[in-house]
Protein backbone atom coordinates (compact mmCIF):
# COMPACT_ATOMS: atom_id res chain seq x y z
CA UNK A 1 135.88 114.11 108.07
CA UNK A 2 136.25 110.43 107.26
CA UNK A 3 136.40 109.26 110.86
CA UNK A 4 132.78 108.31 111.70
CA UNK A 5 132.66 105.18 109.50
CA UNK A 6 131.34 101.62 109.99
CA UNK A 7 134.82 100.23 109.31
CA UNK A 8 136.34 102.48 111.98
CA UNK A 9 134.25 100.81 114.70
CA UNK A 10 135.31 97.37 113.47
CA UNK A 11 139.01 98.28 113.60
CA UNK A 12 140.67 99.93 116.62
CA UNK A 13 142.50 102.30 114.26
CA UNK A 14 146.02 100.78 114.36
CA UNK A 15 147.50 103.66 112.35
CA UNK A 16 146.19 106.87 110.74
CA UNK A 17 147.82 106.01 107.41
CA UNK A 18 146.44 102.46 107.32
CA UNK A 19 143.03 103.67 108.49
CA UNK A 20 142.79 106.11 105.57
CA UNK A 21 143.88 103.46 103.07
CA UNK A 22 141.23 101.05 104.38
CA UNK A 23 138.48 103.67 103.98
CA UNK A 24 139.69 104.46 100.45
CA UNK A 25 139.53 100.80 99.43
CA UNK A 26 136.02 100.55 100.91
CA UNK A 27 134.83 103.82 99.38
CA UNK A 28 135.84 104.85 95.84
CA UNK A 29 135.17 108.50 96.71
CA UNK A 30 137.84 108.54 99.42
CA UNK A 31 140.35 106.89 97.09
CA UNK A 32 140.15 109.78 94.63
CA UNK A 33 140.75 112.35 97.37
CA UNK A 34 143.58 110.37 98.97
CA UNK A 35 145.25 109.69 95.61
CA UNK A 36 145.42 113.42 94.79
C-alpha cells in the first residue's frame, strides 16, 4: 500500500504508472519492489 504518501498529496496523481515511479525515486525501498 504505497498510496498514503507525502508526495501523493503534493501531486494530484496524474497517472498510476507515473505515481509509482515517483514514489520509487523518492524511496529506495519502493524502487526495489517496482524493479522486480
